[in-house]
Amino acid sequence: GDSCREKAVPESAGLFLEAPETPPGGQEVKLSMVRVRGVLKNTASSTRKWCPCDILVYVSVSHVGALYGVVVSGAFLVPYLFFMVIAGMPLFYMELALGQYNREGAAGVWKICPIFKGVGFTVILISLYVGFYYNVIIAWALFYLFSSFSGELPWIHCNNTWNSPNCSDLNSTLLNDTYKTTPALEYFERGVLHLHESSGIDDLGLPRWQLTSCLAVVIVVLYFSLWKGVKTSGKVVWITATMPYVVLTVLLLRGITLPGAIDGIKAYLSVDFLRLCDAQVHTHTHTHTCICIGVMVLYLMLCYRDAIITSSINSLTSFFSGFVIFSFLGYMSHKHNVALDKVATDGPGLVFIIYPEAIATLPGSSVWAVIFFIMLLTLGIDSAMGGMESVITGLTDEFKFLHKHRELFTLFIVVFTFLISLICVTNGGIYVFTLLDHFAAGTSILFGVLIEAIGISWFYGVDRFSDDIQEMIGQRPGLYWRLCWKFVSPCFLLFMVVVSFATFNPPKYGSYYFPAWATMLGWCLSISSMIMVPLYAFYKFCSLPGSFCDKLAYAITPETEHHLVERGEVRQFTLHHWLVV
C-alpha cells in the first residue's frame, strides 16, 4: 500500500523501510521488497504485523527447549554455553540476516548459491518430520488439560483403574524399589498412552479415540491459525511468551521450600567433568541448541540486535528452568530415598511426569495444572505453527502455482501430518514417537546447519555476506562473527557430525530396546532429508548449460550475477574470494 513507496536508498543506509508511526497495538503493513543496487521496489504484498513486541515471538521458542528436551545439568550446561558462543549465536545471526536480506523461503533463499538449494529442502523435510510427532505432544497436553478439570488430579493416588500393583502413592516414602512406580508415571504410561497394552513397536494396536480426538482438535487449531496468518499473533504473543515465566517462577518458589531441593540445585550447578568426556552429551547439547534457536520467522529489521537478545534469552530461560526442574528432582530424590539420576529424565517424561508431580505438591494443584497445561498448549501451538509455516512457505515460494491454492495446500499438509501422527497415538505409539524424536532432527539438523554455513561463508563469501548486512543495518559484522562464520563454526559442526555418527547409540524407551529393523528405518528417515543436498546439487549441475567449468560457475554464482559468468567474471574462481575474511 501507501506505506511501501519506491525509494532510492544508499548502500550504507540502515533500515530500508520508513514505517509510519506505529500505535502501541501494532499496525499492519504490507511488505514485499526487492533490492536492485540499493533501490527498493514494492512488488507484491505479504501481511506483516508491525508490533513493538516482535522479540516476544522468538522468546517463546526458548520455552519449548526449557519445558521439553534435555535436562540441563552441569554436564550439559558447559558444552551448551560453549556451543552458543562459537556456533549458536553466530549461525543464528547468519540465518536472520540471510532471511531478512533475501526475503525468501528456506529453498528460495539459495538463489545466492543455486547448487546448495538442497539445504532448503533438507530443512523443509526436517520440519515436516518433526511435525509428525510434535503435534502429538500438544495432543497429550490437551488431554492433561481436560484431566485437570477435577477436584483431585488423577496422577496423585494409586486407586485408579489404570494403576498396577507396583504403584506407590505420592504420600509413600518407600519407592526405593526397582519395581515401584509413581502415580504420575503410571498415569502417563498406562492412563494416557496405554503402553501396557503393547509389547513393542511391532505391536502398536489401533489409535486411542481420546488421544485421536485431542490430536484432531490440535490439527484444526493449527489449520485455522496458519490459514489466518499472522494478523492476530502480535496480540496473543504477549500472553503466550510471558505466561511461562510466571508459571516457572511460581514453581521455583514452591520448589525451593521443599526438603531436598537444595541438594538438587547443587547437583544442577556442579559440573561432572567425566560426563564432559561423553560424546553423547555434546551431541545432544548441540542438537538441542540448533533446534531451540533454529530457523525462525525472518521479518526482523535489526537482525544483529535481535540475534543477540533472542539467543541470550533462550540460554537464560533454559538456565532458569533448570533451577525449577532440579529443585523438584531433589525433592523427589529425598522423598523416595533414591539417587538423583534415578528420578531425572528428559523428553516427554520431563513435561508429563516430573512437572505434573511437581504441580501436585502445590496448594490448589488443579488450578495450577490447568494454567500449566494451557501455557504448554499455547507454546506448543506457537512452535508447531512455526515449523508448519516453514514447510508451507518454503514449498509455495518454490512452486508458484501453490500460491493460488494456499488454503487447500495448507489443508493438505495438516491433514497429511494428522494421518501420520495417528501412529503415535496407538497403544505402542510412544515407541514410534521415540524413533521419530531420535532420528528426525538429530544428526540431520547438524548436517543441514553445517552445509548452510559452508554455502554462505565459503561459496557465497563472508565478505559479500558482510556487505549485505552493512546494506541493511549500516555496519559490517565484527571480526568475531566473520571468523566464526568462516572457520570456527563450520569446523566445529563438521566435528560434531562425525562424532554423532561415530558414537551412535540405538534408540530405547525405558528398558525397551528397538529391534534392528526399526533402527534401520530411523536411519532411512534421517538420511532422506540429508540426501537432498547431494541429489539437488547433482540435478542442478547436470541441468546447467556449457562445459564443466561453465556449469560449476553458474552453480556457485548468485542468480543475479549470471551475466558476469557469461563475461568470464567469476569471483569464486579467484584466490581472493577464498582467503578474504
Protein backbone atom coordinates (compact mmCIF):
# COMPACT_ATOMS: atom_id res chain seq x y z
CA GLY A 1 0.00 0.00 0.00
CA ASP A 2 0.97 3.57 0.65
CA SER A 3 3.47 2.53 3.32
CA CYS A 4 5.82 0.96 0.78
CA ARG A 5 6.99 3.59 -1.66
CA GLU A 6 9.70 3.15 -4.21
CA LYS A 7 12.64 4.91 -2.65
CA ALA A 8 16.32 5.16 -3.52
CA VAL A 9 18.49 4.13 -0.62
CA PRO A 10 22.27 4.47 -0.42
CA GLU A 11 24.26 1.28 0.02
CA SER A 12 25.31 2.28 3.54
CA ALA A 13 21.81 3.02 4.74
CA GLY A 14 20.41 1.36 7.82
CA LEU A 15 16.78 0.29 7.76
CA PHE A 16 15.28 0.06 4.31
CA LEU A 17 11.70 0.85 5.15
CA GLU A 18 10.48 4.08 6.68
CA ALA A 19 7.49 2.71 8.54
CA PRO A 20 4.72 5.07 9.59
CA GLU A 21 4.38 5.89 13.25
CA THR A 22 3.15 2.74 14.95
CA PRO A 23 0.50 2.71 17.66
CA PRO A 24 1.08 0.53 20.74
CA GLY A 25 -1.20 -2.20 19.46
CA GLY A 26 0.78 -2.64 16.28
CA GLN A 27 -0.01 -1.66 12.72
CA GLU A 28 -0.48 -3.90 9.76
CA VAL A 29 1.97 -3.02 6.99
CA LYS A 30 2.15 -4.59 3.55
CA LEU A 31 5.73 -5.54 2.77
CA SER A 32 7.44 -7.22 -0.10
CA MET A 33 10.64 -5.69 -1.34
CA VAL A 34 13.37 -6.47 -3.81
CA ARG A 35 16.76 -4.82 -3.87
CA VAL A 36 18.29 -3.68 -7.13
CA ARG A 37 21.52 -1.78 -6.41
CA GLY A 38 20.13 -0.01 -3.36
CA VAL A 39 16.64 0.65 -4.81
CA LEU A 40 13.56 -0.71 -3.11
CA LYS A 41 10.52 -1.58 -5.13
CA ASN A 42 7.09 -2.67 -3.98
CA THR A 43 6.40 -5.88 -5.92
CA ALA A 44 3.66 -7.69 -4.02
CA SER A 45 2.06 -7.73 -0.63
CA SER A 46 2.56 -10.07 2.25
CA THR A 47 0.97 -9.31 5.58
CA ARG A 48 3.31 -8.22 8.34
CA LYS A 49 2.32 -7.33 11.89
CA TRP A 50 4.42 -4.33 12.82
CA CYS A 51 4.44 -4.69 16.58
CA PRO A 52 6.78 -3.37 19.28
CA CYS A 53 6.77 -6.79 20.92
CA ASP A 54 8.35 -8.63 17.97
CA ILE A 55 11.01 -10.17 20.13
CA LEU A 56 8.37 -11.97 22.23
CA VAL A 57 7.63 -14.23 19.26
CA TYR A 58 11.14 -15.56 19.45
CA VAL A 59 11.22 -15.77 23.22
CA SER A 60 8.50 -18.42 23.09
CA VAL A 61 10.84 -20.73 21.21
CA SER A 62 13.19 -20.81 24.17
CA HIS A 63 10.39 -22.05 26.44
CA VAL A 64 9.98 -25.16 24.32
CA GLY A 65 13.60 -26.05 24.92
CA ALA A 66 13.14 -25.29 28.60
CA LEU A 67 10.00 -27.39 29.06
CA TYR A 68 10.68 -30.24 26.66
CA GLY A 69 14.11 -31.55 25.85
CA VAL A 70 17.34 -32.45 27.60
CA VAL A 71 17.59 -31.96 31.34
CA VAL A 72 20.05 -29.07 31.65
CA SER A 73 22.52 -30.38 34.20
CA GLY A 74 26.06 -29.20 34.89
CA ALA A 75 27.41 -31.67 32.34
CA PHE A 76 25.02 -30.21 29.79
CA LEU A 77 25.48 -26.56 30.70
CA VAL A 78 29.19 -26.26 29.89
CA PRO A 79 29.04 -27.56 26.30
CA TYR A 80 25.75 -25.71 25.83
CA LEU A 81 27.31 -22.33 26.63
CA PHE A 82 30.43 -23.18 24.64
CA PHE A 83 28.38 -24.10 21.58
CA MET A 84 26.24 -20.99 21.93
CA VAL A 85 29.31 -18.75 21.79
CA ILE A 86 31.18 -20.37 18.90
CA ALA A 87 28.27 -21.60 16.78
CA GLY A 88 24.76 -20.97 18.13
CA MET A 89 24.76 -17.18 18.21
CA PRO A 90 26.87 -16.66 15.05
CA LEU A 91 24.75 -19.07 12.99
CA PHE A 92 21.51 -17.62 14.34
CA TYR A 93 22.70 -14.15 13.35
CA MET A 94 23.58 -15.56 9.93
CA GLU A 95 20.11 -17.03 9.42
CA LEU A 96 18.32 -13.87 10.49
CA ALA A 97 20.42 -11.72 8.19
CA LEU A 98 20.12 -14.16 5.29
CA GLY A 99 16.35 -14.37 5.57
CA GLN A 100 15.86 -10.64 6.05
CA TYR A 101 18.02 -9.64 3.10
CA ASN A 102 16.67 -12.14 0.58
CA ARG A 103 13.08 -12.37 1.90
CA GLU A 104 12.63 -15.88 0.55
CA GLY A 105 11.64 -19.28 1.92
CA ALA A 106 14.07 -21.99 3.00
CA ALA A 107 14.68 -23.14 -0.58
CA GLY A 108 14.25 -19.89 -2.49
CA VAL A 109 16.89 -18.11 -0.41
CA TRP A 110 19.57 -20.18 -2.14
CA LYS A 111 19.41 -18.10 -5.28
CA ILE A 112 22.65 -16.72 -3.78
CA CYS A 113 24.31 -20.09 -4.48
CA PRO A 114 22.00 -22.37 -6.51
CA ILE A 115 23.92 -25.60 -6.03
CA PHE A 116 23.14 -25.50 -2.28
CA LYS A 117 19.39 -25.27 -2.73
CA GLY A 118 19.06 -28.82 -1.46
CA VAL A 119 19.77 -27.45 2.04
CA GLY A 120 16.41 -25.69 1.86
CA PHE A 121 14.62 -28.93 1.04
CA THR A 122 16.52 -30.62 3.89
CA VAL A 123 15.17 -28.01 6.30
CA ILE A 124 11.65 -28.39 4.93
CA LEU A 125 11.73 -32.17 5.33
CA ILE A 126 13.10 -31.94 8.86
CA SER A 127 10.31 -29.51 9.80
CA LEU A 128 7.75 -31.87 8.28
CA TYR A 129 9.15 -34.90 10.12
CA VAL A 130 9.20 -33.02 13.43
CA GLY A 131 5.56 -32.08 12.85
CA PHE A 132 4.65 -35.76 12.71
CA TYR A 133 5.38 -36.20 16.42
CA TYR A 134 5.44 -32.65 17.78
CA ASN A 135 1.68 -32.32 17.32
CA VAL A 136 1.30 -35.43 19.47
CA ILE A 137 2.98 -33.61 22.37
CA ILE A 138 0.35 -30.88 22.07
CA ALA A 139 -2.39 -33.53 22.00
CA TRP A 140 -1.01 -35.03 25.21
CA ALA A 141 -1.02 -31.57 26.80
CA LEU A 142 -4.65 -31.11 25.75
CA PHE A 143 -5.54 -34.48 27.28
CA TYR A 144 -3.83 -33.47 30.54
CA LEU A 145 -5.66 -30.14 30.45
CA PHE A 146 -9.04 -31.87 30.29
CA SER A 147 -7.97 -34.22 33.09
CA SER A 148 -7.01 -31.26 35.28
CA PHE A 149 -10.60 -30.04 35.50
CA SER A 150 -11.30 -32.14 38.57
CA GLY A 151 -11.32 -31.73 42.31
CA GLU A 152 -8.31 -34.03 42.62
CA LEU A 153 -5.66 -34.56 39.97
CA PRO A 154 -5.71 -38.14 38.61
CA TRP A 155 -1.94 -38.62 38.99
CA ILE A 156 -1.83 -38.13 42.77
CA HIS A 157 -3.04 -41.53 44.02
CA CYS A 158 -2.82 -45.19 43.03
CA ASN A 159 -6.53 -46.01 43.39
CA ASN A 160 -7.40 -45.58 39.71
CA THR A 161 -8.42 -48.28 37.26
CA TRP A 162 -5.20 -47.98 35.24
CA ASN A 163 -2.84 -48.35 38.22
CA SER A 164 -0.79 -51.52 38.67
CA PRO A 165 0.09 -53.25 41.96
CA ASN A 166 3.57 -51.68 41.67
CA CYS A 167 2.21 -48.16 42.02
CA SER A 168 3.45 -46.34 45.12
CA ASP A 169 1.39 -43.38 46.34
CA LEU A 170 2.93 -39.89 46.48
CA ASN A 171 2.47 -40.00 50.23
CA SER A 172 4.64 -43.11 50.42
CA THR A 173 8.36 -42.88 51.11
CA LEU A 174 9.13 -46.47 50.14
CA LEU A 175 9.92 -46.03 46.48
CA ASN A 176 13.49 -47.32 46.86
CA ASP A 177 12.43 -50.41 44.98
CA THR A 178 13.20 -51.27 41.38
CA TYR A 179 9.66 -52.46 40.76
CA LYS A 180 7.84 -49.49 42.30
CA THR A 181 6.45 -46.67 40.16
CA THR A 182 4.88 -43.29 40.89
CA PRO A 183 1.25 -42.38 40.16
CA ALA A 184 2.44 -39.68 37.72
CA LEU A 185 4.47 -42.21 35.74
CA GLU A 186 1.63 -44.71 35.64
CA TYR A 187 -0.90 -42.07 34.65
CA PHE A 188 1.25 -41.06 31.67
CA GLU A 189 2.20 -44.56 30.50
CA ARG A 190 -0.93 -46.50 31.49
CA GLY A 191 -3.71 -43.93 31.86
CA VAL A 192 -2.85 -41.80 28.81
CA LEU A 193 -0.70 -43.91 26.48
CA HIS A 194 -1.93 -47.40 27.47
CA LEU A 195 1.60 -48.58 26.91
CA HIS A 196 1.00 -51.73 28.95
CA GLU A 197 -1.27 -52.99 26.15
CA SER A 198 1.62 -53.04 23.68
CA SER A 199 4.61 -55.36 23.65
CA GLY A 200 6.76 -53.19 21.37
CA ILE A 201 6.95 -51.24 18.15
CA ASP A 202 5.73 -54.28 16.21
CA ASP A 203 2.55 -54.36 18.33
CA LEU A 204 1.08 -50.87 18.01
CA GLY A 205 -2.65 -51.53 18.07
CA LEU A 206 -5.32 -49.06 16.98
CA PRO A 207 -5.31 -45.30 17.70
CA ARG A 208 -6.85 -44.40 21.07
CA TRP A 209 -10.00 -42.41 20.43
CA GLN A 210 -9.36 -39.99 23.30
CA LEU A 211 -5.90 -39.03 22.02
CA THR A 212 -7.14 -39.06 18.42
CA SER A 213 -9.83 -36.53 19.36
CA CYS A 214 -7.25 -34.30 21.07
CA LEU A 215 -4.97 -34.58 18.04
CA ALA A 216 -7.84 -33.63 15.73
CA VAL A 217 -8.54 -30.51 17.82
CA VAL A 218 -4.86 -29.56 17.60
CA ILE A 219 -4.86 -30.01 13.81
CA VAL A 220 -7.99 -27.88 13.40
CA VAL A 221 -6.49 -25.09 15.53
CA LEU A 222 -3.26 -25.30 13.55
CA TYR A 223 -5.06 -25.10 10.23
CA PHE A 224 -7.06 -22.00 11.07
CA SER A 225 -4.02 -20.40 12.71
CA LEU A 226 -1.97 -20.94 9.56
CA TRP A 227 -4.86 -20.03 7.29
CA LYS A 228 -5.49 -16.74 9.05
CA GLY A 229 -1.79 -15.90 9.04
CA VAL A 230 -0.14 -13.51 11.49
CA LYS A 231 -2.94 -10.95 11.79
CA THR A 232 -3.64 -11.75 15.44
CA SER A 233 -0.36 -13.30 16.62
CA GLY A 234 1.08 -9.93 17.70
CA LYS A 235 -1.52 -9.61 20.46
CA VAL A 236 -1.63 -13.26 21.50
CA VAL A 237 2.14 -13.46 21.90
CA TRP A 238 2.04 -11.07 24.88
CA ILE A 239 0.36 -13.89 26.81
CA THR A 240 1.97 -16.96 25.25
CA ALA A 241 5.51 -15.65 25.68
CA THR A 242 5.24 -14.16 29.17
CA MET A 243 2.99 -16.70 30.91
CA PRO A 244 5.74 -19.37 31.13
CA TYR A 245 7.90 -17.06 33.22
CA VAL A 246 5.07 -16.54 35.70
CA VAL A 247 4.36 -20.27 35.98
CA LEU A 248 8.03 -21.24 36.19
CA THR A 249 8.63 -18.61 38.88
CA VAL A 250 5.72 -19.92 40.96
CA LEU A 251 7.02 -23.47 40.61
CA LEU A 252 10.51 -22.36 41.62
CA LEU A 253 9.26 -20.51 44.70
CA ARG A 254 7.39 -23.64 45.69
CA GLY A 255 10.23 -25.98 44.78
CA ILE A 256 12.92 -24.34 46.89
CA THR A 257 10.73 -24.69 50.00
CA LEU A 258 10.60 -28.48 49.68
CA PRO A 259 13.03 -30.79 51.50
CA GLY A 260 15.92 -31.93 49.30
CA ALA A 261 15.51 -29.05 46.84
CA ILE A 262 18.89 -27.52 47.73
CA ASP A 263 20.62 -30.84 47.02
CA GLY A 264 19.00 -30.90 43.60
CA ILE A 265 20.11 -27.35 42.82
CA LYS A 266 23.66 -28.16 43.96
CA ALA A 267 23.68 -31.12 41.60
CA TYR A 268 22.44 -28.84 38.84
CA LEU A 269 25.23 -26.31 39.32
CA SER A 270 28.00 -28.87 39.80
CA VAL A 271 29.98 -29.97 36.76
CA ASP A 272 30.76 -33.65 36.26
CA PHE A 273 33.97 -33.47 34.26
CA LEU A 274 33.84 -37.18 33.50
CA ARG A 275 30.49 -36.69 31.74
CA LEU A 276 32.05 -33.93 29.65
CA CYS A 277 34.11 -36.68 28.01
CA ASP A 278 30.89 -38.38 26.91
CA ALA A 279 30.36 -37.58 23.23
CA GLN A 280 26.61 -38.17 23.56
CA VAL A 281 26.35 -35.25 25.99
CA HIS A 282 27.87 -32.93 23.41
CA THR A 283 25.80 -34.32 20.54
CA HIS A 284 22.51 -33.94 22.42
CA THR A 285 23.55 -30.48 23.60
CA HIS A 286 24.34 -29.13 20.17
CA THR A 287 21.28 -30.70 18.55
CA HIS A 288 19.11 -29.20 21.30
CA THR A 289 20.70 -25.78 20.72
CA CYS A 290 20.17 -25.94 16.96
CA ILE A 291 16.50 -26.80 17.44
CA CYS A 292 15.90 -24.10 20.05
CA ILE A 293 17.45 -21.27 18.04
CA GLY A 294 16.93 -22.71 14.59
CA VAL A 295 15.08 -21.26 11.65
CA MET A 296 12.52 -18.71 12.88
CA VAL A 297 10.29 -16.05 11.36
CA LEU A 298 12.60 -13.75 9.40
CA TYR A 299 10.82 -10.40 9.45
CA LEU A 300 13.34 -8.69 11.75
CA MET A 301 14.71 -5.28 10.88
CA LEU A 302 17.50 -5.12 13.47
CA CYS A 303 18.83 -8.62 12.96
CA TYR A 304 22.10 -8.05 14.84
CA ARG A 305 20.37 -6.81 17.99
CA ASP A 306 17.66 -9.44 17.86
CA ALA A 307 20.15 -12.26 17.24
CA ILE A 308 21.95 -11.29 20.47
CA ILE A 309 18.79 -10.73 22.50
CA THR A 310 16.97 -13.84 21.32
CA SER A 311 19.85 -16.28 21.75
CA SER A 312 20.66 -14.78 25.17
CA ILE A 313 17.05 -15.04 26.36
CA ASN A 314 16.96 -18.61 25.05
CA SER A 315 20.01 -19.54 27.13
CA LEU A 316 18.84 -17.69 30.24
CA THR A 317 15.40 -19.28 30.04
CA SER A 318 16.90 -22.75 29.82
CA PHE A 319 19.23 -21.91 32.71
CA PHE A 320 16.34 -20.57 34.80
CA SER A 321 14.15 -23.59 34.09
CA GLY A 322 16.98 -25.82 35.28
CA PHE A 323 16.56 -24.46 38.80
CA VAL A 324 12.86 -25.33 38.68
CA ILE A 325 13.48 -28.82 37.38
CA PHE A 326 16.29 -29.75 39.75
CA SER A 327 14.60 -28.31 42.83
CA PHE A 328 11.77 -30.80 42.32
CA LEU A 329 14.15 -33.58 41.29
CA GLY A 330 15.99 -33.03 44.56
CA TYR A 331 12.69 -33.16 46.43
CA MET A 332 11.67 -36.40 44.71
CA SER A 333 15.09 -37.90 45.34
CA HIS A 334 14.80 -37.01 49.04
CA LYS A 335 11.20 -38.15 49.35
CA HIS A 336 11.69 -41.51 47.65
CA ASN A 337 15.20 -42.06 49.04
CA VAL A 338 16.81 -42.74 45.66
CA ALA A 339 19.73 -41.19 43.80
CA LEU A 340 19.02 -38.06 41.78
CA ASP A 341 19.90 -39.70 38.48
CA LYS A 342 17.22 -42.32 39.12
CA VAL A 343 14.44 -39.74 39.06
CA ALA A 344 15.93 -37.43 36.39
CA THR A 345 14.52 -37.86 32.94
CA ASP A 346 14.26 -35.96 29.67
CA GLY A 347 11.98 -35.83 26.65
CA PRO A 348 8.24 -36.25 27.28
CA GLY A 349 8.88 -37.67 30.73
CA LEU A 350 10.05 -34.27 31.93
CA VAL A 351 6.85 -32.47 30.90
CA PHE A 352 4.29 -35.20 31.60
CA ILE A 353 5.78 -36.91 34.66
CA ILE A 354 8.14 -34.60 36.56
CA TYR A 355 6.21 -31.34 36.14
CA PRO A 356 2.76 -32.86 36.94
CA GLU A 357 4.20 -34.45 40.05
CA ALA A 358 5.68 -31.08 41.00
CA ILE A 359 2.37 -29.32 40.42
CA ALA A 360 0.65 -31.89 42.62
CA THR A 361 2.59 -30.51 45.62
CA LEU A 362 1.12 -27.01 45.20
CA PRO A 363 -1.94 -25.80 47.13
CA GLY A 364 -4.83 -25.65 44.67
CA SER A 365 -2.96 -28.04 42.40
CA SER A 366 -5.85 -28.42 39.95
CA VAL A 367 -5.85 -24.71 39.19
CA TRP A 368 -2.10 -24.67 38.67
CA ALA A 369 -2.32 -27.75 36.47
CA VAL A 370 -4.88 -26.01 34.25
CA ILE A 371 -2.65 -22.92 34.00
CA PHE A 372 0.45 -25.01 33.29
CA PHE A 373 -1.09 -27.06 30.50
CA ILE A 374 -2.77 -24.02 28.93
CA MET A 375 0.70 -22.49 28.88
CA LEU A 376 2.11 -25.65 27.34
CA LEU A 377 -0.65 -25.68 24.73
CA THR A 378 -0.04 -22.08 23.68
CA LEU A 379 3.71 -22.64 23.44
CA GLY A 380 3.21 -25.85 21.53
CA ILE A 381 0.81 -24.25 19.05
CA ASP A 382 3.23 -21.34 18.55
CA SER A 383 6.13 -23.66 17.82
CA ALA A 384 4.08 -26.03 15.68
CA MET A 385 2.87 -23.07 13.62
CA GLY A 386 6.47 -22.00 13.04
CA GLY A 387 7.51 -25.44 11.86
CA MET A 388 4.46 -25.94 9.68
CA GLU A 389 4.73 -22.45 8.24
CA SER A 390 8.32 -23.14 7.20
CA VAL A 391 7.10 -26.17 5.24
CA ILE A 392 4.16 -24.36 3.61
CA THR A 393 6.04 -21.15 2.83
CA GLY A 394 9.11 -22.98 1.61
CA LEU A 395 7.11 -25.04 -0.86
CA THR A 396 4.73 -22.29 -2.00
CA ASP A 397 7.68 -19.95 -2.62
CA GLU A 398 9.39 -22.62 -4.66
CA PHE A 399 6.34 -23.84 -6.59
CA LYS A 400 4.48 -20.69 -7.54
CA PHE A 401 1.30 -22.44 -8.66
CA LEU A 402 0.66 -23.36 -5.00
CA HIS A 403 0.22 -19.67 -4.15
CA LYS A 404 -3.17 -19.66 -5.85
CA HIS A 405 -4.33 -22.57 -3.72
CA ARG A 406 -2.57 -21.83 -0.41
CA GLU A 407 -5.64 -22.66 1.70
CA LEU A 408 -6.06 -26.05 0.04
CA PHE A 409 -2.35 -26.76 0.20
CA THR A 410 -2.30 -25.85 3.90
CA LEU A 411 -5.24 -28.19 4.45
CA PHE A 412 -3.40 -30.96 2.61
CA ILE A 413 -0.27 -30.54 4.74
CA VAL A 414 -2.08 -30.53 8.09
CA VAL A 415 -4.31 -33.49 7.15
CA PHE A 416 -1.28 -35.44 5.92
CA THR A 417 0.50 -34.65 9.19
CA PHE A 418 -2.58 -35.76 11.16
CA LEU A 419 -2.74 -39.11 9.36
CA ILE A 420 0.93 -39.86 10.05
CA SER A 421 0.60 -38.70 13.66
CA LEU A 422 -2.15 -41.25 14.26
CA ILE A 423 0.57 -43.88 14.53
CA CYS A 424 1.86 -42.06 17.60
CA VAL A 425 -1.48 -42.22 19.47
CA THR A 426 -1.79 -46.00 19.34
CA ASN A 427 -1.06 -48.23 22.36
CA GLY A 428 2.56 -48.51 21.27
CA GLY A 429 2.68 -45.04 19.77
CA ILE A 430 5.33 -43.85 22.23
CA TYR A 431 7.79 -46.20 20.51
CA VAL A 432 7.13 -44.55 17.13
CA PHE A 433 7.34 -41.17 18.85
CA THR A 434 10.73 -42.06 20.34
CA LEU A 435 12.00 -43.30 16.99
CA LEU A 436 10.96 -40.08 15.24
CA ASP A 437 12.37 -37.96 18.05
CA HIS A 438 15.67 -39.82 17.84
CA PHE A 439 16.18 -39.63 14.08
CA ALA A 440 14.05 -36.84 12.59
CA ALA A 441 16.11 -33.89 13.83
CA GLY A 442 19.33 -35.29 15.28
CA THR A 443 22.35 -35.71 13.05
CA SER A 444 20.37 -34.38 10.09
CA ILE A 445 19.90 -30.93 11.61
CA LEU A 446 23.61 -30.65 12.44
CA PHE A 447 24.38 -31.71 8.88
CA GLY A 448 21.97 -29.15 7.44
CA VAL A 449 23.43 -26.31 9.51
CA LEU A 450 26.96 -27.37 8.50
CA ILE A 451 26.18 -27.27 4.78
CA GLU A 452 24.39 -23.94 5.21
CA ALA A 453 27.42 -22.44 6.95
CA ILE A 454 29.75 -23.71 4.22
CA GLY A 455 27.50 -22.47 1.43
CA ILE A 456 27.19 -18.95 2.80
CA SER A 457 30.65 -18.44 4.29
CA TRP A 458 32.76 -20.06 1.60
CA PHE A 459 30.85 -20.16 -1.66
CA TYR A 460 28.75 -17.02 -1.35
CA GLY A 461 31.55 -15.40 0.62
CA VAL A 462 31.84 -13.85 4.07
CA ASP A 463 32.86 -10.52 2.54
CA ARG A 464 29.82 -10.42 0.26
CA PHE A 465 27.53 -11.51 3.09
CA SER A 466 29.01 -8.80 5.32
CA ASP A 467 28.30 -6.25 2.58
CA ASP A 468 24.67 -7.36 2.55
CA ILE A 469 24.41 -6.90 6.32
CA GLN A 470 26.03 -3.46 6.12
CA GLU A 471 23.48 -2.53 3.47
CA MET A 472 20.71 -3.47 5.88
CA ILE A 473 21.84 -2.20 9.28
CA GLY A 474 24.58 0.28 8.40
CA GLN A 475 27.55 -1.61 9.86
CA ARG A 476 29.63 -4.63 8.93
CA PRO A 477 29.82 -7.61 11.28
CA GLY A 478 32.86 -7.62 13.54
CA LEU A 479 35.86 -9.91 13.18
CA TYR A 480 34.45 -12.33 15.78
CA TRP A 481 31.36 -13.01 13.68
CA ARG A 482 33.29 -13.35 10.43
CA LEU A 483 35.86 -15.75 11.91
CA CYS A 484 33.10 -17.89 13.45
CA TRP A 485 31.17 -17.99 10.18
CA LYS A 486 34.12 -18.96 8.03
CA PHE A 487 36.30 -21.13 10.26
CA VAL A 488 35.19 -21.87 13.81
CA SER A 489 31.53 -22.83 13.33
CA PRO A 490 31.96 -25.00 10.18
CA CYS A 491 34.93 -26.87 11.67
CA PHE A 492 33.12 -27.46 14.94
CA LEU A 493 29.93 -28.58 13.20
CA LEU A 494 31.90 -30.95 10.98
CA PHE A 495 33.50 -32.44 14.08
CA MET A 496 30.10 -32.88 15.74
CA VAL A 497 28.55 -34.53 12.67
CA VAL A 498 31.42 -37.05 12.58
CA VAL A 499 31.13 -37.65 16.33
CA SER A 500 27.36 -38.16 16.12
CA PHE A 501 27.87 -40.88 13.50
CA ALA A 502 30.81 -42.48 15.31
CA THR A 503 29.16 -42.59 18.75
CA PHE A 504 25.66 -43.52 17.65
CA ASN A 505 23.61 -45.40 20.23
CA PRO A 506 20.44 -47.26 19.16
CA PRO A 507 17.24 -45.68 20.50
CA LYS A 508 15.45 -47.09 23.50
CA TYR A 509 12.46 -46.22 25.65
CA GLY A 510 12.94 -47.11 29.30
CA SER A 511 14.08 -50.72 29.32
CA TYR A 512 12.77 -51.39 25.81
CA TYR A 513 15.39 -51.60 23.06
CA PHE A 514 14.27 -51.16 19.49
CA PRO A 515 14.78 -54.03 17.02
CA ALA A 516 17.37 -53.67 14.27
CA TRP A 517 14.76 -53.08 11.56
CA ALA A 518 13.31 -50.12 13.48
CA THR A 519 16.77 -48.58 13.83
CA MET A 520 17.37 -49.02 10.10
CA LEU A 521 14.02 -47.40 9.38
CA GLY A 522 15.04 -44.47 11.56
CA TRP A 523 18.31 -44.07 9.67
CA CYS A 524 16.40 -44.10 6.38
CA LEU A 525 14.26 -41.27 7.72
CA SER A 526 17.31 -39.28 8.77
CA ILE A 527 19.17 -39.88 5.50
CA SER A 528 16.09 -38.99 3.42
CA SER A 529 16.45 -35.36 4.48
CA MET A 530 20.24 -35.18 4.29
CA ILE A 531 20.39 -36.75 0.84
CA MET A 532 18.50 -33.80 -0.62
CA VAL A 533 21.76 -31.81 -0.58
CA PRO A 534 23.78 -34.05 -2.96
CA LEU A 535 20.71 -35.00 -5.03
CA TYR A 536 19.79 -31.43 -5.81
CA ALA A 537 23.43 -30.45 -6.38
CA PHE A 538 23.76 -33.25 -8.96
CA TYR A 539 20.47 -32.27 -10.61
CA LYS A 540 21.41 -28.58 -10.75
CA PHE A 541 24.85 -29.27 -12.14
CA CYS A 542 23.52 -31.54 -14.88
CA SER A 543 20.74 -29.13 -15.87
CA LEU A 544 23.05 -26.16 -16.47
CA PRO A 545 24.44 -25.49 -19.96
CA GLY A 546 28.04 -25.33 -21.13
CA SER A 547 31.28 -27.04 -20.24
CA PHE A 548 32.21 -28.39 -16.81
CA CYS A 549 33.70 -25.03 -15.75
CA ASP A 550 30.65 -23.16 -17.05
CA LYS A 551 28.30 -25.45 -15.15
CA LEU A 552 30.34 -25.02 -11.98
CA ALA A 553 30.45 -21.24 -12.38
CA TYR A 554 26.68 -20.95 -12.84
CA ALA A 555 26.04 -23.36 -9.94
CA ILE A 556 28.03 -21.39 -7.35
CA THR A 557 27.32 -17.84 -8.57
CA PRO A 558 24.24 -15.89 -7.38
CA GLU A 559 21.49 -15.91 -9.98
CA THR A 560 21.60 -12.11 -10.17
CA GLU A 561 25.24 -12.32 -11.36
CA HIS A 562 24.89 -14.94 -14.08
CA HIS A 563 25.51 -12.22 -16.65
CA LEU A 564 29.00 -11.85 -15.17
CA VAL A 565 29.65 -15.54 -15.76
CA GLU A 566 28.96 -15.02 -19.44
CA ARG A 567 31.72 -12.40 -19.45
CA GLY A 568 34.09 -14.72 -17.59
CA GLU A 569 33.98 -12.70 -14.37
CA VAL A 570 33.54 -15.37 -11.70
CA ARG A 571 34.75 -14.13 -8.32
CA GLN A 572 34.60 -17.65 -6.89
CA PHE A 573 37.40 -18.57 -9.30
CA THR A 574 39.75 -16.06 -7.70
CA LEU A 575 42.07 -16.75 -4.77
CA HIS A 576 40.98 -13.55 -3.04
CA HIS A 577 37.40 -14.86 -2.68
CA TRP A 578 38.54 -17.89 -0.67
CA LEU A 579 41.12 -16.10 1.51
CA VAL A 580 39.28 -12.94 2.50
CA VAL A 581 37.54 -12.80 5.88
